[in-house]
Amino acid sequence: MARSPKTAAPAVPLTPNRERPAQPQRYQASKEELLDFYKQMLLIRRFEERAGQLYGLGFIGGFCHLYIGQEAVAVGLQSAMTVGKDSVITGYRDHGHMLAYGIDPKVIMAELTGRAAGISKGKGGSMHMFSVEHGFYGGHGIVGAQVSLGTGLALKHKYSEDGGVNLAYFGDGAANQGQVYESFNMAKLWDLPVIYAIENNHYAMGTSVERSASEPDFYKRGESFQIPGIQVDGMDVLAVRGAAQVALEWTRSGKGPIILELKTYRYRGHSMSDPAKYRTREEVQSYRENQDPIQRAEKELVAMGVAEEELKAIDKEIKDIVVEAAKFAEEAPEPEAGELYTDVLVERY
């Protein structure tokens, strides 16, 4: 006698009552705080514009990835962190993150031009910068490598019980790397204090998210590891700052990793060698006119009573800082030939 087929059991959510972080609120900044955020974003913008010019003039060689358009992400997140206590790690688009962590523009620009005064003695260039003093651990050229390294830094924070949190940046392109998910798994198993910040600028190197990601909402990528995620307007520095506070509260309280997806946009190509023909000029112009993070902050400052003359004076002050940094980087001496053999190994073996 033939047996009747078994009826499949209905699908039941495995963790329907899992705790989730609170929905972040837009940060209520004072006029002084917003002015500080504005200055930091403007410094990144003017610095990167100058770096692009120096690259065109041949002062900067190799690869150079500019952060123009994404300034609100680094400033919003890192303004909530504690320099020297927390750690930051990112990929090769790293100039803006260093500036947002208070590192001297002169030593960053000198590194770009390959000078001995650079933060990595002129041997790292655009993609490989580092500052132990600030807890900034690079600058990495291998796509997605910083996610595993950031997870290791979070393990260090937990092991040493220093109260620190690691902020690991990566992009929508790196979000499809296998090592990212190995890191997610370990981070949640050990409830490590790490914030995974996905800077979704929509195009990775040059392929749109819609064509490269079966799940384009990257904040959901940690669900199968029980890592909660939040999607944030990455073109609004106050929205980013509000999300940063929620994420830091979550990780510092011992609840483990969290994912922030920052919806942002880069105005330039992936690198200086990228003509960005995969998108229209109209699309870029629309972001510049309607969502630019610096212009949005500027409008709010004017509404708070800041005079346009004061904003112009700030812009001049920032430009002077960048001009001075560029002059320093152009005139500083190159490394001695013997530097080729230093810092290769920690010690002799």
Protein backbone atom coordinates (compact mmCIF):
# COMPACT_ATOMS: atom_id res chain seq x y z
CA MET A 1 0.00 0.00 0.00
CA ALA A 2 1.46 3.36 -1.02
CA ARG A 3 2.22 5.79 1.74
CA SER A 4 0.80 9.29 1.57
CA PRO A 5 3.41 12.02 1.35
CA LYS A 6 4.22 13.87 4.56
CA THR A 7 2.98 17.41 4.89
CA ALA A 8 5.81 19.89 5.42
CA ALA A 9 5.77 21.67 8.76
CA PRO A 10 4.95 25.39 8.53
CA ALA A 11 7.96 27.70 8.62
CA VAL A 12 8.34 29.35 12.00
CA PRO A 13 10.79 32.23 12.68
CA LEU A 14 13.61 30.83 14.78
CA THR A 15 14.16 33.99 16.83
CA PRO A 16 10.99 36.08 16.66
CA ASN A 17 11.74 37.94 19.89
CA ARG A 18 15.41 38.68 19.35
CA GLU A 19 16.48 41.99 20.88
CA ARG A 20 17.19 44.78 18.42
CA PRO A 21 18.72 48.24 18.84
CA ALA A 22 16.48 51.27 19.06
CA GLN A 23 15.76 53.15 15.85
CA PRO A 24 18.24 56.02 15.80
CA GLN A 25 17.06 59.61 15.95
CA ARG A 26 18.69 62.46 14.11
CA TYR A 27 21.27 64.03 16.42
CA GLN A 28 20.23 67.35 17.96
CA ALA A 29 23.44 69.32 17.54
CA SER A 30 24.13 72.68 19.07
CA LYS A 31 25.30 75.46 16.77
CA GLU A 32 28.88 74.96 17.98
CA GLU A 33 28.75 71.19 17.35
CA LEU A 34 27.30 71.58 13.87
CA LEU A 35 29.93 74.21 13.06
CA ASP A 36 32.61 71.72 14.09
CA PHE A 37 31.08 68.98 11.90
CA TYR A 38 30.86 71.49 9.05
CA LYS A 39 34.54 72.43 9.40
CA GLN A 40 35.60 68.77 9.44
CA MET A 41 33.58 67.93 6.32
CA LEU A 42 34.84 71.03 4.54
CA LEU A 43 38.44 70.14 5.43
CA ILE A 44 37.98 66.69 3.88
CA ARG A 45 36.36 68.18 0.75
CA ARG A 46 39.07 70.82 0.20
CA PHE A 47 41.86 68.39 1.05
CA GLU A 48 40.61 65.84 -1.48
CA GLU A 49 40.14 68.49 -4.16
CA ARG A 50 43.75 69.54 -3.66
CA ALA A 51 44.92 65.93 -3.69
CA GLY A 52 43.20 65.47 -7.04
CA GLN A 53 45.06 68.51 -8.38
CA LEU A 54 48.42 67.24 -7.11
CA TYR A 55 47.73 63.87 -8.70
CA GLY A 56 47.09 65.57 -12.04
CA LEU A 57 50.35 67.50 -11.68
CA GLY A 58 52.31 64.31 -11.03
CA PHE A 59 53.13 64.96 -7.35
CA ILE A 60 51.09 61.92 -6.30
CA GLY A 61 51.78 58.57 -7.94
CA GLY A 62 50.14 55.17 -7.87
CA PHE A 63 46.51 54.83 -6.85
CA CYS A 64 44.48 57.63 -5.33
CA HIS A 65 40.86 57.23 -4.21
CA LEU A 66 39.06 60.43 -3.23
CA TYR A 67 36.32 60.75 -0.60
CA ILE A 68 34.46 63.70 -2.14
CA GLY A 69 30.72 63.35 -1.44
CA GLN A 70 31.04 60.87 1.44
CA GLU A 71 32.30 63.29 4.09
CA ALA A 72 29.25 63.02 6.37
CA VAL A 73 29.92 59.34 7.01
CA ALA A 74 33.40 59.64 8.52
CA VAL A 75 32.63 62.85 10.41
CA GLY A 76 29.29 61.63 11.74
CA LEU A 77 30.63 58.30 12.95
CA GLN A 78 34.05 59.27 14.25
CA SER A 79 32.87 62.40 16.05
CA ALA A 80 31.07 60.03 18.44
CA MET A 81 34.17 57.92 19.11
CA THR A 82 37.03 58.40 21.56
CA VAL A 83 40.48 58.83 20.02
CA GLY A 84 43.01 56.59 21.76
CA LYS A 85 40.32 54.37 23.27
CA ASP A 86 38.40 53.22 20.22
CA SER A 87 40.00 51.95 17.01
CA VAL A 88 39.23 52.61 13.34
CA ILE A 89 40.14 50.61 10.26
CA THR A 90 39.15 51.12 6.65
CA GLY A 91 39.98 50.30 3.04
CA TYR A 92 42.03 52.25 0.54
CA ARG A 93 39.73 55.35 0.40
CA ASP A 94 41.20 56.47 3.69
CA HIS A 95 42.22 60.16 3.62
CA GLY A 96 38.85 61.39 4.91
CA HIS A 97 38.77 58.93 7.79
CA MET A 98 42.21 60.08 8.95
CA LEU A 99 41.21 63.73 8.83
CA ALA A 100 38.00 62.95 10.74
CA TYR A 101 40.15 61.36 13.48
CA GLY A 102 42.11 64.58 13.93
CA ILE A 103 45.33 63.56 12.17
CA ASP A 104 47.46 66.43 10.84
CA PRO A 105 46.68 67.21 7.16
CA LYS A 106 50.39 67.89 6.56
CA VAL A 107 51.53 64.34 7.35
CA ILE A 108 48.65 62.88 5.32
CA MET A 109 49.44 65.01 2.28
CA ALA A 110 53.17 64.28 2.67
CA GLU A 111 52.36 60.58 2.61
CA LEU A 112 50.40 61.05 -0.60
CA THR A 113 53.44 62.66 -2.23
CA GLY A 114 55.79 59.95 -0.94
CA ARG A 115 57.81 62.14 1.42
CA ALA A 116 59.78 61.12 4.51
CA ALA A 117 57.59 63.40 6.64
CA GLY A 118 54.51 61.35 5.70
CA ILE A 119 52.66 59.40 8.36
CA SER A 120 54.05 56.12 6.94
CA LYS A 121 57.42 57.72 6.08
CA GLY A 122 56.36 58.08 2.46
CA LYS A 123 56.37 54.33 1.88
CA GLY A 124 52.65 53.65 2.07
CA GLY A 125 51.15 56.29 -0.16
CA SER A 126 47.45 56.92 -0.55
CA MET A 127 46.18 53.46 0.37
CA HIS A 128 48.36 52.52 3.33
CA MET A 129 48.30 54.99 6.20
CA PHE A 130 48.54 54.15 9.88
CA SER A 131 48.63 55.85 13.28
CA VAL A 132 49.01 53.81 16.46
CA GLU A 133 48.72 57.02 18.50
CA HIS A 134 45.24 57.69 17.15
CA GLY A 135 44.13 54.06 16.99
CA PHE A 136 43.86 54.28 13.20
CA TYR A 137 44.94 50.96 11.70
CA GLY A 138 44.83 51.65 7.94
CA GLY A 139 44.30 52.02 4.92
CA HIS A 140 44.20 48.53 3.25
CA GLY A 141 44.51 47.75 -0.44
CA ILE A 142 43.01 44.26 -0.32
CA VAL A 143 39.24 44.47 -0.75
CA GLY A 144 37.51 43.38 2.45
CA ALA A 145 40.71 42.54 4.35
CA GLN A 146 40.05 45.29 6.86
CA VAL A 147 36.85 43.57 8.02
CA SER A 148 38.74 40.57 9.40
CA LEU A 149 41.47 42.79 10.83
CA GLY A 150 38.87 45.04 12.45
CA THR A 151 37.26 41.97 13.99
CA GLY A 152 40.67 41.11 15.44
CA LEU A 153 41.00 44.62 16.85
CA ALA A 154 37.59 44.18 18.48
CA LEU A 155 38.83 40.91 20.01
CA LYS A 156 41.79 42.84 21.41
CA HIS A 157 39.43 45.41 22.96
CA LYS A 158 37.38 42.67 24.61
CA TYR A 159 40.39 40.61 25.71
CA SER A 160 42.14 43.58 27.33
CA GLU A 161 38.88 44.93 28.78
CA ASP A 162 39.83 48.46 27.74
CA GLY A 163 36.26 49.51 26.93
CA GLY A 164 37.12 50.28 23.32
CA VAL A 165 35.05 49.64 20.21
CA ASN A 166 36.35 48.97 16.73
CA LEU A 167 34.82 50.77 13.75
CA ALA A 168 35.44 48.75 10.58
CA TYR A 169 34.53 50.49 7.33
CA PHE A 170 33.97 48.72 4.03
CA GLY A 171 32.06 49.36 0.85
CA ASP A 172 29.20 47.77 -1.04
CA GLY A 173 31.73 45.97 -3.27
CA ALA A 174 33.61 44.45 -0.32
CA ALA A 175 30.28 43.37 1.21
CA ASN A 176 30.25 40.39 -1.17
CA GLN A 177 33.63 39.05 0.01
CA GLY A 178 33.63 35.70 1.81
CA GLN A 179 35.97 36.80 4.60
CA VAL A 180 33.36 39.39 5.62
CA TYR A 181 30.92 36.65 6.61
CA GLU A 182 33.55 34.56 8.38
CA SER A 183 34.25 37.68 10.42
CA PHE A 184 30.54 38.24 11.11
CA ASN A 185 30.23 34.70 12.42
CA MET A 186 33.17 34.95 14.83
CA ALA A 187 32.22 38.46 15.96
CA LYS A 188 28.76 37.32 17.01
CA LEU A 189 29.94 34.04 18.54
CA TRP A 190 32.17 36.05 20.85
CA ASP A 191 29.96 39.18 21.02
CA LEU A 192 32.86 41.40 20.02
CA PRO A 193 32.59 45.20 20.28
CA VAL A 194 32.67 46.05 16.58
CA ILE A 195 30.63 48.35 14.37
CA TYR A 196 30.64 47.26 10.73
CA ALA A 197 30.07 50.43 8.71
CA ILE A 198 29.12 49.69 5.10
CA GLU A 199 29.65 52.80 2.96
CA ASN A 200 27.20 52.05 0.17
CA ASN A 201 28.06 54.52 -2.59
CA HIS A 202 26.03 52.42 -5.06
CA TYR A 203 28.74 51.47 -7.54
CA ALA A 204 31.62 49.58 -5.86
CA MET A 205 34.40 50.03 -8.44
CA GLY A 206 32.03 50.58 -11.35
CA THR A 207 29.17 48.10 -11.18
CA SER A 208 25.86 49.20 -9.70
CA VAL A 209 24.51 47.53 -6.57
CA GLU A 210 21.44 46.40 -8.52
CA ARG A 211 23.66 44.36 -10.88
CA SER A 212 26.08 42.98 -8.29
CA ALA A 213 24.11 42.28 -5.11
CA SER A 214 21.24 39.82 -4.82
CA GLU A 215 20.34 41.57 -1.54
CA PRO A 216 20.94 45.28 -2.12
CA ASP A 217 19.89 46.26 1.42
CA PHE A 218 23.25 45.65 3.06
CA TYR A 219 22.05 46.36 6.58
CA LYS A 220 20.26 42.99 6.40
CA ARG A 221 23.45 41.06 5.63
CA GLY A 222 24.06 40.11 9.26
CA GLU A 223 20.62 38.64 9.98
CA SER A 224 21.66 35.00 9.56
CA PHE A 225 24.43 35.65 12.12
CA GLN A 226 22.00 37.38 14.53
CA ILE A 227 23.75 40.70 13.93
CA PRO A 228 21.24 43.57 13.74
CA GLY A 229 21.54 46.23 11.07
CA ILE A 230 20.41 49.83 10.58
CA GLN A 231 20.16 51.75 7.31
CA VAL A 232 21.21 55.41 7.55
CA ASP A 233 21.14 58.48 5.31
CA GLY A 234 24.89 58.82 4.81
CA MET A 235 24.52 62.25 3.21
CA ASP A 236 23.24 63.77 6.48
CA VAL A 237 25.95 64.19 9.13
CA LEU A 238 23.39 64.48 11.96
CA ALA A 239 21.57 61.30 10.91
CA VAL A 240 24.92 59.51 10.86
CA ARG A 241 25.88 60.86 14.28
CA GLY A 242 22.56 59.72 15.72
CA ALA A 243 23.10 56.21 14.34
CA ALA A 244 26.66 56.20 15.70
CA GLN A 245 25.38 56.80 19.22
CA VAL A 246 22.91 53.92 19.01
CA ALA A 247 25.59 51.60 17.62
CA LEU A 248 28.14 52.56 20.28
CA GLU A 249 25.61 52.07 23.06
CA TRP A 250 24.78 48.62 21.67
CA THR A 251 28.39 47.44 21.43
CA ARG A 252 29.64 49.03 24.66
CA SER A 253 26.86 47.30 26.61
CA GLY A 254 28.24 43.89 25.62
CA LYS A 255 25.61 42.98 23.01
CA GLY A 256 28.16 42.34 20.29
CA PRO A 257 28.49 43.55 16.72
CA ILE A 258 26.14 45.76 14.77
CA ILE A 259 25.94 46.77 11.11
CA LEU A 260 25.35 50.31 9.87
CA GLU A 261 24.64 50.74 6.17
CA LEU A 262 25.39 54.34 5.19
CA LYS A 263 23.65 55.27 1.94
CA THR A 264 26.12 57.71 0.42
CA TYR A 265 27.55 58.77 -2.95
CA ARG A 266 30.97 59.58 -4.34
CA TYR A 267 31.17 62.40 -6.85
CA ARG A 268 34.44 61.34 -8.47
CA GLY A 269 35.33 58.02 -10.07
CA HIS A 270 36.38 54.99 -8.07
CA SER A 271 39.97 56.21 -8.34
CA MET A 272 41.71 59.00 -10.20
CA SER A 273 42.06 56.71 -13.23
CA ASP A 274 38.31 56.02 -13.43
CA PRO A 275 36.29 58.16 -15.92
CA ALA A 276 33.04 56.90 -14.29
CA LYS A 277 31.22 56.30 -17.58
CA TYR A 278 28.88 53.81 -15.88
CA ARG A 279 26.64 56.64 -14.61
CA THR A 280 25.22 59.82 -16.07
CA ARG A 281 26.35 63.37 -15.40
CA GLU A 282 22.75 64.19 -14.56
CA GLU A 283 22.76 61.63 -11.75
CA VAL A 284 25.93 63.05 -10.20
CA GLN A 285 24.64 66.60 -10.55
CA SER A 286 21.38 65.65 -8.87
CA TYR A 287 23.27 64.39 -5.79
CA ARG A 288 25.45 67.51 -5.74
CA GLU A 289 22.47 69.86 -5.93
CA ASN A 290 19.98 68.05 -3.72
CA GLN A 291 21.87 65.88 -1.22
CA ASP A 292 25.34 67.35 -0.74
CA PRO A 293 26.23 66.86 2.95
CA ILE A 294 28.16 70.12 3.26
CA GLN A 295 25.42 72.22 1.67
CA ARG A 296 22.83 70.57 3.91
CA ALA A 297 24.84 71.46 7.01
CA GLU A 298 25.39 74.97 5.67
CA LYS A 299 21.64 75.54 5.29
CA GLU A 300 21.01 74.39 8.86
CA LEU A 301 23.74 76.68 10.17
CA VAL A 302 22.22 79.66 8.37
CA ALA A 303 18.85 78.75 9.92
CA MET A 304 20.58 78.72 13.34
CA GLY A 305 21.78 82.27 12.79
CA VAL A 306 25.28 81.77 11.39
CA ALA A 307 26.03 84.56 8.92
CA GLU A 308 27.11 83.73 5.39
CA GLU A 309 30.19 85.91 5.91
CA GLU A 310 31.25 83.62 8.76
CA LEU A 311 30.83 80.55 6.53
CA LYS A 312 32.93 82.19 3.84
CA ALA A 313 35.61 82.98 6.42
CA ILE A 314 35.61 79.33 7.51
CA ASP A 315 36.04 78.21 3.92
CA LYS A 316 39.02 80.55 3.50
CA GLU A 317 40.54 79.28 6.76
CA ILE A 318 40.18 75.67 5.59
CA LYS A 319 41.63 76.46 2.17
CA ASP A 320 44.65 78.09 3.83
CA ILE A 321 45.22 74.93 5.92
CA VAL A 322 45.09 72.76 2.81
CA VAL A 323 47.39 75.08 0.80
CA GLU A 324 49.90 74.96 3.65
CA ALA A 325 49.67 71.15 3.78
CA ALA A 326 50.21 70.90 0.02
CA LYS A 327 53.20 73.25 0.17
CA PHE A 328 54.70 71.19 2.98
CA ALA A 329 54.14 67.97 1.01
CA GLU A 330 55.69 69.36 -2.15
CA GLU A 331 58.80 70.69 -0.44
CA ALA A 332 59.51 67.93 2.12
CA PRO A 333 62.45 65.63 1.23
CA GLU A 334 61.92 62.12 -0.10
CA PRO A 335 62.93 59.12 2.08
CA GLU A 336 66.55 58.02 2.12
CA ALA A 337 67.30 54.90 0.08
CA GLY A 338 68.02 52.98 3.29
CA GLU A 339 64.37 53.32 4.29
CA LEU A 340 63.61 50.53 1.82
CA TYR A 341 64.95 48.09 4.40
CA THR A 342 63.32 49.45 7.55
CA ASP A 343 59.96 48.38 9.04
CA VAL A 344 59.92 45.18 6.99
CA LEU A 345 59.89 42.91 10.05
CA VAL A 346 59.15 43.75 13.67
CA GLU A 347 62.42 42.15 14.74
CA ARG A 348 65.10 39.84 13.39
CA TYR A 349 64.39 36.14 12.93
